[in-house]
Amino acid sequence: MSKRKAYYASKMKRAVHMLFYRRHKKPGVKGWELRKALGADYPKVLNILDEYLKALDLQVKTVFEEEKPIEKPNPEQLDRARFYITLRGELTPKEAKMIGWRIDDLAGLAITIAYIISKKGKAPRKEVEELLREKLPGWKVGLNIDRYIRYGYLTQDENEQLYLDWRTRAEVDQKALIDLLLSK
């Protein structure tokens, strides 16, 4: 093995350890942490790791604090971003059952995310609850919204406005969700 390959292999190993093992309240790793542990070339290390993860149907996902993705992030924006390992493809219905969510709970999450997107990124909780009551049993609506918040898909402010949170930005292809809903 050449010195260059060994150099990147050891950095990839460190990156995998940081990305797979949760050390904070939120999973994933901030860019500045990766820079500190791996050096200034950590984006290149993550690109190489991403190529290796393709065979496992996984990917390194970059999530910026801003709502919209950044096309060509500068080093400062990358340092503030959070990096995750997520699925590259889609879950089959059988796999979705194995993650512990009922299909109606997943449908409620999809409805909620789509509704918040349609309202330009925020929606009053009461409106979302009314919408979900049309599709789900009434007793389940509040529990589901609280669950979506607890799991990091949504966040709620003091005025009971709901927003998309870090996990939605990391795991949900929002454009594909909207396209799928509009195609039906």
N, C-alpha and C. Protein backbone atom coordinates (compact mmCIF):
# COMPACT_ATOMS: atom_id res chain seq x y z
N MET A 1 0.86 -1.18 0.00
CA MET A 1 0.00 0.00 0.00
C MET A 1 0.90 1.24 0.00
N SER A 2 0.59 2.16 -0.86
CA SER A 2 1.40 3.37 -0.93
C SER A 2 1.15 4.24 0.30
N LYS A 3 2.07 5.17 0.53
CA LYS A 3 1.93 6.07 1.69
C LYS A 3 0.65 6.88 1.58
N ARG A 4 0.30 7.31 0.36
CA ARG A 4 -0.89 8.13 0.15
C ARG A 4 -2.16 7.34 0.50
N LYS A 5 -2.22 6.06 0.06
CA LYS A 5 -3.38 5.23 0.37
C LYS A 5 -3.47 4.98 1.88
N ALA A 6 -2.36 4.72 2.51
CA ALA A 6 -2.34 4.48 3.96
C ALA A 6 -2.77 5.74 4.71
N TYR A 7 -2.34 6.89 4.21
CA TYR A 7 -2.70 8.17 4.81
C TYR A 7 -4.22 8.34 4.80
N TYR A 8 -4.85 8.14 3.64
CA TYR A 8 -6.30 8.31 3.55
C TYR A 8 -7.06 7.18 4.22
N ALA A 9 -6.50 5.98 4.23
CA ALA A 9 -7.16 4.85 4.91
C ALA A 9 -7.28 5.12 6.40
N SER A 10 -6.25 5.64 7.01
CA SER A 10 -6.31 5.91 8.45
C SER A 10 -7.27 7.07 8.75
N LYS A 11 -7.28 8.07 7.87
CA LYS A 11 -8.22 9.19 8.06
C LYS A 11 -9.67 8.72 7.87
N MET A 12 -9.90 7.85 6.89
CA MET A 12 -11.25 7.32 6.68
C MET A 12 -11.71 6.52 7.89
N LYS A 13 -10.82 5.75 8.47
CA LYS A 13 -11.15 4.96 9.65
C LYS A 13 -11.57 5.87 10.79
N ARG A 14 -10.82 6.95 11.01
CA ARG A 14 -11.18 7.92 12.05
C ARG A 14 -12.52 8.58 11.75
N ALA A 15 -12.73 8.93 10.48
CA ALA A 15 -13.99 9.56 10.07
C ALA A 15 -15.18 8.62 10.33
N VAL A 16 -15.01 7.35 10.00
CA VAL A 16 -16.08 6.36 10.24
C VAL A 16 -16.40 6.28 11.72
N HIS A 17 -15.40 6.23 12.54
CA HIS A 17 -15.62 6.16 13.99
C HIS A 17 -16.39 7.39 14.48
N MET A 18 -16.02 8.54 13.98
CA MET A 18 -16.70 9.76 14.41
C MET A 18 -18.14 9.82 13.92
N LEU A 19 -18.37 9.36 12.69
CA LEU A 19 -19.71 9.48 12.09
C LEU A 19 -20.68 8.41 12.59
N PHE A 20 -20.19 7.21 12.85
CA PHE A 20 -21.09 6.13 13.26
C PHE A 20 -21.41 6.12 14.75
N TYR A 21 -20.50 6.60 15.57
CA TYR A 21 -20.72 6.52 17.02
C TYR A 21 -21.16 7.86 17.56
N ARG A 22 -22.31 7.86 18.16
CA ARG A 22 -22.94 9.08 18.66
C ARG A 22 -22.23 9.56 19.92
N ARG A 23 -21.85 10.85 19.91
CA ARG A 23 -21.17 11.41 21.07
C ARG A 23 -21.91 12.60 21.64
N HIS A 24 -22.89 13.10 20.93
CA HIS A 24 -23.62 14.29 21.35
C HIS A 24 -25.11 13.96 21.42
N LYS A 25 -25.89 14.96 21.79
CA LYS A 25 -27.35 14.78 21.80
C LYS A 25 -27.84 14.46 20.39
N LYS A 26 -27.32 15.18 19.40
CA LYS A 26 -27.66 14.91 18.01
C LYS A 26 -26.59 14.02 17.41
N PRO A 27 -26.99 13.07 16.58
CA PRO A 27 -25.97 12.26 15.90
C PRO A 27 -25.24 13.09 14.85
N GLY A 28 -24.24 12.52 14.28
CA GLY A 28 -23.46 13.24 13.28
C GLY A 28 -22.34 14.03 13.91
N VAL A 29 -21.58 14.69 13.06
CA VAL A 29 -20.40 15.41 13.50
C VAL A 29 -20.35 16.75 12.78
N LYS A 30 -20.00 17.78 13.51
CA LYS A 30 -19.83 19.10 12.91
C LYS A 30 -18.53 19.12 12.09
N GLY A 31 -18.53 19.95 11.08
CA GLY A 31 -17.36 20.05 10.22
C GLY A 31 -16.10 20.45 10.95
N TRP A 32 -16.22 21.38 11.90
CA TRP A 32 -15.03 21.82 12.62
C TRP A 32 -14.42 20.68 13.43
N GLU A 33 -15.27 19.74 13.91
CA GLU A 33 -14.75 18.59 14.64
C GLU A 33 -13.96 17.67 13.71
N LEU A 34 -14.49 17.50 12.50
CA LEU A 34 -13.79 16.68 11.51
C LEU A 34 -12.47 17.33 11.09
N ARG A 35 -12.50 18.65 10.90
CA ARG A 35 -11.26 19.37 10.54
C ARG A 35 -10.21 19.19 11.62
N LYS A 36 -10.64 19.29 12.89
CA LYS A 36 -9.71 19.16 14.01
C LYS A 36 -9.10 17.75 14.07
N ALA A 37 -9.94 16.73 13.82
CA ALA A 37 -9.47 15.35 13.92
C ALA A 37 -8.76 14.85 12.67
N LEU A 38 -9.21 15.33 11.49
CA LEU A 38 -8.70 14.77 10.23
C LEU A 38 -7.82 15.71 9.44
N GLY A 39 -7.89 17.00 9.74
CA GLY A 39 -7.12 17.97 8.99
C GLY A 39 -7.99 18.73 8.01
N ALA A 40 -7.40 19.71 7.37
CA ALA A 40 -8.13 20.60 6.47
C ALA A 40 -8.69 19.88 5.25
N ASP A 41 -8.14 18.72 4.90
CA ASP A 41 -8.62 17.99 3.73
C ASP A 41 -9.76 17.03 4.06
N TYR A 42 -10.46 17.25 5.20
CA TYR A 42 -11.54 16.34 5.59
C TYR A 42 -12.64 16.21 4.53
N PRO A 43 -12.97 17.27 3.74
CA PRO A 43 -13.98 17.06 2.70
C PRO A 43 -13.56 15.98 1.68
N LYS A 44 -12.27 15.95 1.35
CA LYS A 44 -11.79 14.92 0.42
C LYS A 44 -11.89 13.53 1.05
N VAL A 45 -11.56 13.44 2.34
CA VAL A 45 -11.68 12.17 3.06
C VAL A 45 -13.13 11.69 3.04
N LEU A 46 -14.06 12.62 3.27
CA LEU A 46 -15.49 12.26 3.27
C LEU A 46 -15.96 11.84 1.89
N ASN A 47 -15.44 12.46 0.84
CA ASN A 47 -15.80 12.04 -0.52
C ASN A 47 -15.32 10.62 -0.81
N ILE A 48 -14.11 10.30 -0.39
CA ILE A 48 -13.58 8.95 -0.58
C ILE A 48 -14.42 7.95 0.22
N LEU A 49 -14.74 8.30 1.47
CA LEU A 49 -15.57 7.44 2.31
C LEU A 49 -16.95 7.23 1.68
N ASP A 50 -17.52 8.28 1.13
CA ASP A 50 -18.82 8.19 0.48
C ASP A 50 -18.79 7.17 -0.66
N GLU A 51 -17.70 7.15 -1.43
CA GLU A 51 -17.54 6.18 -2.52
C GLU A 51 -17.53 4.74 -1.97
N TYR A 52 -16.85 4.53 -0.85
CA TYR A 52 -16.81 3.20 -0.24
C TYR A 52 -18.18 2.78 0.29
N LEU A 53 -18.94 3.73 0.78
CA LEU A 53 -20.25 3.41 1.37
C LEU A 53 -21.33 3.11 0.33
N LYS A 54 -21.09 3.46 -0.94
CA LYS A 54 -22.08 3.20 -1.99
C LYS A 54 -22.48 1.73 -2.04
N ALA A 55 -21.51 0.85 -1.91
CA ALA A 55 -21.79 -0.59 -1.98
C ALA A 55 -22.71 -1.05 -0.85
N LEU A 56 -22.75 -0.31 0.25
CA LEU A 56 -23.60 -0.64 1.40
C LEU A 56 -24.92 0.12 1.38
N ASP A 57 -25.18 0.87 0.31
CA ASP A 57 -26.37 1.69 0.15
C ASP A 57 -26.45 2.78 1.23
N LEU A 58 -25.28 3.28 1.62
CA LEU A 58 -25.19 4.37 2.59
C LEU A 58 -24.48 5.55 1.94
N GLN A 59 -24.61 6.71 2.56
CA GLN A 59 -23.93 7.90 2.05
C GLN A 59 -23.57 8.84 3.18
N VAL A 60 -22.59 9.68 2.93
CA VAL A 60 -22.25 10.76 3.85
C VAL A 60 -23.11 11.94 3.41
N LYS A 61 -23.94 12.43 4.31
CA LYS A 61 -24.85 13.53 4.01
C LYS A 61 -24.41 14.77 4.76
N THR A 62 -24.40 15.89 4.07
CA THR A 62 -24.04 17.18 4.66
C THR A 62 -25.31 17.98 4.87
N VAL A 63 -25.53 18.44 6.09
CA VAL A 63 -26.71 19.24 6.40
C VAL A 63 -26.24 20.58 6.95
N PHE A 64 -26.68 21.65 6.29
CA PHE A 64 -26.33 22.99 6.70
C PHE A 64 -27.38 23.53 7.64
N GLU A 65 -26.99 24.43 8.52
CA GLU A 65 -27.93 25.05 9.47
C GLU A 65 -29.02 25.81 8.72
N GLU A 66 -28.66 26.39 7.59
CA GLU A 66 -29.63 27.10 6.79
C GLU A 66 -30.61 26.09 6.21
N GLU A 67 -31.82 26.54 5.91
CA GLU A 67 -32.85 25.66 5.36
C GLU A 67 -32.46 25.12 3.98
N LYS A 68 -31.89 25.98 3.14
CA LYS A 68 -31.61 25.59 1.76
C LYS A 68 -30.20 25.04 1.63
N PRO A 69 -30.04 24.01 0.78
CA PRO A 69 -28.69 23.47 0.54
C PRO A 69 -27.81 24.52 -0.14
N ILE A 70 -26.54 24.43 0.11
CA ILE A 70 -25.58 25.38 -0.45
C ILE A 70 -24.83 24.65 -1.56
N GLU A 71 -24.84 25.21 -2.76
CA GLU A 71 -24.21 24.57 -3.92
C GLU A 71 -22.70 24.39 -3.75
N LYS A 72 -22.00 25.45 -3.57
CA LYS A 72 -20.53 25.42 -3.43
C LYS A 72 -20.16 26.02 -2.08
N PRO A 73 -20.23 25.22 -1.01
CA PRO A 73 -19.95 25.77 0.32
C PRO A 73 -18.47 26.13 0.47
N ASN A 74 -18.25 27.21 1.19
CA ASN A 74 -16.87 27.59 1.48
C ASN A 74 -16.43 26.85 2.75
N PRO A 75 -15.14 26.86 3.10
CA PRO A 75 -14.66 26.12 4.27
C PRO A 75 -15.36 26.52 5.58
N GLU A 76 -15.70 27.78 5.72
CA GLU A 76 -16.38 28.23 6.94
C GLU A 76 -17.79 27.62 7.03
N GLN A 77 -18.51 27.56 5.92
CA GLN A 77 -19.84 26.94 5.90
C GLN A 77 -19.75 25.45 6.17
N LEU A 78 -18.73 24.79 5.63
CA LEU A 78 -18.53 23.36 5.89
C LEU A 78 -18.22 23.11 7.36
N ASP A 79 -17.45 23.99 7.97
CA ASP A 79 -17.12 23.83 9.39
C ASP A 79 -18.38 23.91 10.27
N ARG A 80 -19.37 24.71 9.86
CA ARG A 80 -20.62 24.84 10.63
C ARG A 80 -21.63 23.75 10.29
N ALA A 81 -21.45 23.07 9.17
CA ALA A 81 -22.38 22.02 8.74
C ALA A 81 -22.23 20.78 9.63
N ARG A 82 -23.24 19.93 9.58
CA ARG A 82 -23.22 18.67 10.31
C ARG A 82 -23.22 17.54 9.27
N PHE A 83 -22.43 16.51 9.52
CA PHE A 83 -22.27 15.39 8.60
C PHE A 83 -22.85 14.13 9.24
N TYR A 84 -23.62 13.37 8.44
CA TYR A 84 -24.30 12.16 8.90
C TYR A 84 -24.05 11.02 7.93
N ILE A 85 -24.26 9.81 8.41
CA ILE A 85 -24.34 8.65 7.53
C ILE A 85 -25.83 8.32 7.42
N THR A 86 -26.35 8.31 6.20
CA THR A 86 -27.77 8.01 5.98
C THR A 86 -27.89 6.97 4.87
N LEU A 87 -29.12 6.49 4.67
CA LEU A 87 -29.38 5.58 3.56
C LEU A 87 -29.25 6.33 2.25
N ARG A 88 -28.71 5.66 1.27
CA ARG A 88 -28.60 6.25 -0.06
C ARG A 88 -29.89 6.01 -0.83
N GLY A 89 -30.45 4.83 -0.69
CA GLY A 89 -31.66 4.46 -1.43
C GLY A 89 -32.90 4.66 -0.57
N GLU A 90 -33.91 3.87 -0.87
CA GLU A 90 -35.17 3.96 -0.16
C GLU A 90 -35.42 2.68 0.62
N LEU A 91 -36.22 2.79 1.66
CA LEU A 91 -36.62 1.62 2.42
C LEU A 91 -37.77 0.91 1.71
N THR A 92 -37.73 -0.41 1.71
CA THR A 92 -38.88 -1.17 1.22
C THR A 92 -39.92 -1.17 2.34
N PRO A 93 -41.19 -1.46 2.03
CA PRO A 93 -42.19 -1.52 3.11
C PRO A 93 -41.81 -2.50 4.23
N LYS A 94 -41.20 -3.61 3.87
CA LYS A 94 -40.78 -4.59 4.88
C LYS A 94 -39.69 -4.01 5.79
N GLU A 95 -38.72 -3.28 5.21
CA GLU A 95 -37.67 -2.65 6.00
C GLU A 95 -38.23 -1.54 6.88
N ALA A 96 -39.22 -0.82 6.37
CA ALA A 96 -39.83 0.26 7.14
C ALA A 96 -40.48 -0.29 8.40
N LYS A 97 -41.06 -1.49 8.32
CA LYS A 97 -41.66 -2.12 9.51
C LYS A 97 -40.59 -2.41 10.56
N MET A 98 -39.40 -2.78 10.10
CA MET A 98 -38.34 -3.18 11.02
C MET A 98 -37.77 -2.00 11.81
N ILE A 99 -38.00 -0.76 11.36
CA ILE A 99 -37.46 0.37 12.10
C ILE A 99 -38.37 0.80 13.24
N GLY A 100 -39.52 0.14 13.39
CA GLY A 100 -40.37 0.38 14.54
C GLY A 100 -41.46 1.42 14.35
N TRP A 101 -41.69 1.84 13.13
CA TRP A 101 -42.74 2.82 12.85
C TRP A 101 -43.89 2.12 12.14
N ARG A 102 -45.10 2.44 12.54
CA ARG A 102 -46.28 1.94 11.83
C ARG A 102 -46.43 2.76 10.55
N ILE A 103 -47.07 2.16 9.55
CA ILE A 103 -47.23 2.83 8.27
C ILE A 103 -48.05 4.11 8.41
N ASP A 104 -49.04 4.12 9.30
CA ASP A 104 -49.84 5.34 9.47
C ASP A 104 -49.03 6.44 10.14
N ASP A 105 -48.09 6.07 11.01
CA ASP A 105 -47.20 7.07 11.62
C ASP A 105 -46.27 7.69 10.57
N LEU A 106 -45.75 6.85 9.67
CA LEU A 106 -44.90 7.34 8.59
C LEU A 106 -45.70 8.24 7.64
N ALA A 107 -46.93 7.83 7.35
CA ALA A 107 -47.80 8.65 6.49
C ALA A 107 -48.06 10.00 7.14
N GLY A 108 -48.31 10.00 8.45
CA GLY A 108 -48.53 11.25 9.17
C GLY A 108 -47.31 12.15 9.11
N LEU A 109 -46.14 11.56 9.22
CA LEU A 109 -44.90 12.34 9.13
C LEU A 109 -44.75 12.93 7.72
N ALA A 110 -45.04 12.13 6.70
CA ALA A 110 -44.94 12.62 5.32
C ALA A 110 -45.92 13.76 5.09
N ILE A 111 -47.14 13.62 5.58
CA ILE A 111 -48.15 14.68 5.44
C ILE A 111 -47.67 15.95 6.14
N THR A 112 -47.16 15.78 7.35
CA THR A 112 -46.70 16.93 8.14
C THR A 112 -45.55 17.65 7.44
N ILE A 113 -44.57 16.90 6.98
CA ILE A 113 -43.42 17.51 6.30
C ILE A 113 -43.88 18.23 5.04
N ALA A 114 -44.73 17.58 4.24
CA ALA A 114 -45.21 18.21 3.00
C ALA A 114 -46.00 19.48 3.30
N TYR A 115 -46.81 19.45 4.34
CA TYR A 115 -47.61 20.63 4.69
C TYR A 115 -46.71 21.79 5.12
N ILE A 116 -45.71 21.50 5.94
CA ILE A 116 -44.80 22.56 6.39
C ILE A 116 -44.01 23.12 5.20
N ILE A 117 -43.58 22.26 4.29
CA ILE A 117 -42.90 22.74 3.09
C ILE A 117 -43.82 23.66 2.29
N SER A 118 -45.08 23.26 2.16
CA SER A 118 -46.04 24.07 1.38
C SER A 118 -46.31 25.42 2.03
N LYS A 119 -46.08 25.53 3.33
CA LYS A 119 -46.28 26.79 4.05
C LYS A 119 -44.97 27.56 4.22
N LYS A 120 -44.02 27.31 3.32
CA LYS A 120 -42.73 28.01 3.30
C LYS A 120 -41.89 27.77 4.56
N GLY A 121 -41.97 26.54 5.09
CA GLY A 121 -41.06 26.15 6.16
C GLY A 121 -41.57 26.28 7.58
N LYS A 122 -42.79 26.80 7.77
CA LYS A 122 -43.33 26.84 9.13
C LYS A 122 -44.85 26.77 9.05
N ALA A 123 -45.43 26.18 10.09
CA ALA A 123 -46.89 26.07 10.15
C ALA A 123 -47.32 26.01 11.60
N PRO A 124 -48.47 26.61 11.92
CA PRO A 124 -48.98 26.52 13.29
C PRO A 124 -49.32 25.06 13.64
N ARG A 125 -48.98 24.67 14.82
CA ARG A 125 -49.23 23.30 15.26
C ARG A 125 -50.71 22.95 15.15
N LYS A 126 -51.60 23.89 15.50
CA LYS A 126 -53.04 23.62 15.45
C LYS A 126 -53.49 23.26 14.03
N GLU A 127 -52.94 23.95 13.02
CA GLU A 127 -53.29 23.63 11.63
C GLU A 127 -52.84 22.23 11.26
N VAL A 128 -51.65 21.87 11.67
CA VAL A 128 -51.11 20.54 11.37
C VAL A 128 -51.96 19.48 12.07
N GLU A 129 -52.34 19.74 13.32
CA GLU A 129 -53.18 18.79 14.05
C GLU A 129 -54.53 18.60 13.35
N GLU A 130 -55.14 19.70 12.88
CA GLU A 130 -56.42 19.60 12.17
C GLU A 130 -56.27 18.76 10.91
N LEU A 131 -55.20 18.99 10.17
CA LEU A 131 -54.95 18.23 8.95
C LEU A 131 -54.79 16.74 9.26
N LEU A 132 -54.01 16.42 10.27
CA LEU A 132 -53.76 15.02 10.62
C LEU A 132 -55.01 14.34 11.15
N ARG A 133 -55.89 15.08 11.82
CA ARG A 133 -57.13 14.49 12.35
C ARG A 133 -58.04 13.98 11.23
N GLU A 134 -57.88 14.53 10.03
CA GLU A 134 -58.66 14.05 8.88
C GLU A 134 -58.18 12.68 8.42
N LYS A 135 -56.94 12.33 8.74
CA LYS A 135 -56.33 11.09 8.24
C LYS A 135 -56.03 10.06 9.32
N LEU A 136 -55.85 10.51 10.56
CA LEU A 136 -55.45 9.61 11.66
C LEU A 136 -56.46 9.69 12.79
N PRO A 137 -56.51 8.68 13.65
CA PRO A 137 -57.37 8.77 14.83
C PRO A 137 -56.97 9.99 15.68
N GLY A 138 -57.96 10.73 16.17
CA GLY A 138 -57.72 11.97 16.91
C GLY A 138 -56.79 11.81 18.09
N TRP A 139 -56.88 10.70 18.83
CA TRP A 139 -56.05 10.51 20.02
C TRP A 139 -54.58 10.37 19.67
N LYS A 140 -54.29 10.01 18.41
CA LYS A 140 -52.92 9.75 18.00
C LYS A 140 -52.18 11.00 17.50
N VAL A 141 -52.93 12.02 17.11
CA VAL A 141 -52.35 13.18 16.45
C VAL A 141 -51.32 13.89 17.32
N GLY A 142 -51.69 14.27 18.52
CA GLY A 142 -50.77 14.97 19.42
C GLY A 142 -49.56 14.12 19.77
N LEU A 143 -49.81 12.82 20.01
CA LEU A 143 -48.71 11.91 20.32
C LEU A 143 -47.71 11.83 19.17
N ASN A 144 -48.24 11.75 17.94
CA ASN A 144 -47.35 11.66 16.78
C ASN A 144 -46.53 12.92 16.59
N ILE A 145 -47.17 14.08 16.71
CA ILE A 145 -46.42 15.33 16.55
C ILE A 145 -45.32 15.42 17.61
N ASP A 146 -45.66 15.07 18.85
CA ASP A 146 -44.64 15.08 19.90
C ASP A 146 -43.50 14.11 19.58
N ARG A 147 -43.83 12.97 19.00
CA ARG A 147 -42.83 11.98 18.62
C ARG A 147 -41.94 12.53 17.50
N TYR A 148 -42.55 13.18 16.50
CA TYR A 148 -41.76 13.76 15.41
C TYR A 148 -40.79 14.81 15.95
N ILE A 149 -41.24 15.57 16.94
CA ILE A 149 -40.37 16.57 17.57
C ILE A 149 -39.25 15.89 18.35
N ARG A 150 -39.62 14.90 19.15
CA ARG A 150 -38.64 14.19 19.99
C ARG A 150 -37.57 13.50 19.14
N TYR A 151 -37.95 12.97 17.98
CA TYR A 151 -37.00 12.27 17.13
C TYR A 151 -36.21 13.19 16.20
N GLY A 152 -36.48 14.50 16.25
CA GLY A 152 -35.69 15.45 15.48
C GLY A 152 -36.18 15.74 14.08
N TYR A 153 -37.39 15.29 13.74
CA TYR A 153 -37.93 15.60 12.41
C TYR A 153 -38.55 16.99 12.37
N LEU A 154 -39.09 17.42 13.49
CA LEU A 154 -39.70 18.75 13.60
C LEU A 154 -39.16 19.45 14.84
N THR A 155 -39.32 20.76 14.84
CA THR A 155 -39.04 21.54 16.03
C THR A 155 -40.20 22.51 16.21
N GLN A 156 -40.41 22.92 17.45
CA GLN A 156 -41.53 23.82 17.76
C GLN A 156 -41.01 24.98 18.56
N ASP A 157 -41.45 26.20 18.21
CA ASP A 157 -41.03 27.37 18.98
C ASP A 157 -42.06 27.71 20.05
N GLU A 158 -41.80 28.80 20.78
CA GLU A 158 -42.68 29.18 21.89
C GLU A 158 -44.06 29.62 21.43
N ASN A 159 -44.21 29.95 20.15
CA ASN A 159 -45.52 30.34 19.60
C ASN A 159 -46.27 29.16 18.98
N GLU A 160 -45.79 27.96 19.24
CA GLU A 160 -46.37 26.72 18.72
C GLU A 160 -46.36 26.67 17.19
N GLN A 161 -45.30 27.23 16.61
CA GLN A 161 -45.05 27.10 15.17
C GLN A 161 -44.16 25.89 14.98
N LEU A 162 -44.48 25.05 14.01
CA LEU A 162 -43.67 23.88 13.70
C LEU A 162 -42.76 24.19 12.52
N TYR A 163 -41.51 23.71 12.60
CA TYR A 163 -40.51 23.87 11.55
C TYR A 163 -39.87 22.50 11.30
N LEU A 164 -39.27 22.35 10.12
CA LEU A 164 -38.52 21.14 9.84
C LEU A 164 -37.22 21.19 10.62
N ASP A 165 -36.82 20.06 11.21
CA ASP A 165 -35.61 20.03 12.02
C ASP A 165 -34.50 19.26 11.30
N TRP A 166 -33.40 19.05 11.99
CA TRP A 166 -32.18 18.49 11.42
C TRP A 166 -32.40 17.13 10.76
N ARG A 167 -33.22 16.28 11.35
CA ARG A 167 -33.35 14.93 10.83
C ARG A 167 -34.10 14.91 9.50
N THR A 168 -35.08 15.79 9.35
CA THR A 168 -35.78 15.89 8.08
C THR A 168 -34.80 16.34 7.00
N ARG A 169 -33.98 17.34 7.33
CA ARG A 169 -33.01 17.83 6.35
C ARG A 169 -31.97 16.76 6.01
N ALA A 170 -31.66 15.89 6.96
CA ALA A 170 -30.66 14.85 6.73
C ALA A 170 -31.23 13.63 6.01
N GLU A 171 -32.46 13.24 6.33
CA GLU A 171 -32.97 11.96 5.86
C GLU A 171 -34.03 12.03 4.76
N VAL A 172 -34.67 13.17 4.61
CA VAL A 172 -35.79 13.25 3.68
C VAL A 172 -35.39 14.05 2.44
N ASP A 173 -35.59 13.46 1.28
CA ASP A 173 -35.39 14.18 0.03
C ASP A 173 -36.69 14.96 -0.20
N GLN A 174 -36.69 16.22 0.22
CA GLN A 174 -37.91 17.03 0.20
C GLN A 174 -38.44 17.22 -1.21
N LYS A 175 -37.57 17.42 -2.17
CA LYS A 175 -38.01 17.61 -3.55
C LYS A 175 -38.68 16.34 -4.06
N ALA A 176 -38.08 15.19 -3.79
CA ALA A 176 -38.66 13.92 -4.24
C ALA A 176 -40.02 13.67 -3.57
N LEU A 177 -40.14 14.04 -2.29
CA LEU A 177 -41.42 13.88 -1.58
C LEU A 177 -42.50 14.72 -2.25
N ILE A 178 -42.22 15.98 -2.52
CA ILE A 178 -43.20 16.87 -3.16
C ILE A 178 -43.52 16.37 -4.57
N ASP A 179 -42.49 15.97 -5.33
CA ASP A 179 -42.73 15.45 -6.68
C ASP A 179 -43.63 14.21 -6.64
N LEU A 180 -43.38 13.34 -5.68
CA LEU A 180 -44.19 12.13 -5.54
C LEU A 180 -45.64 12.47 -5.22
N LEU A 181 -45.84 13.41 -4.31
CA LEU A 181 -47.19 13.80 -3.94
C LEU A 181 -47.92 14.48 -5.09
N LEU A 182 -47.21 15.30 -5.87
CA LEU A 182 -47.83 16.01 -6.97
C LEU A 182 -48.11 15.12 -8.17
N SER A 183 -47.40 14.00 -8.28
CA SER A 183 -47.59 13.11 -9.42
C SER A 183 -48.82 12.21 -9.28
N LYS A 184 -49.40 12.17 -8.12
CA LYS A 184 -50.57 11.28 -7.89
C LYS A 184 -51.86 11.95 -8.25
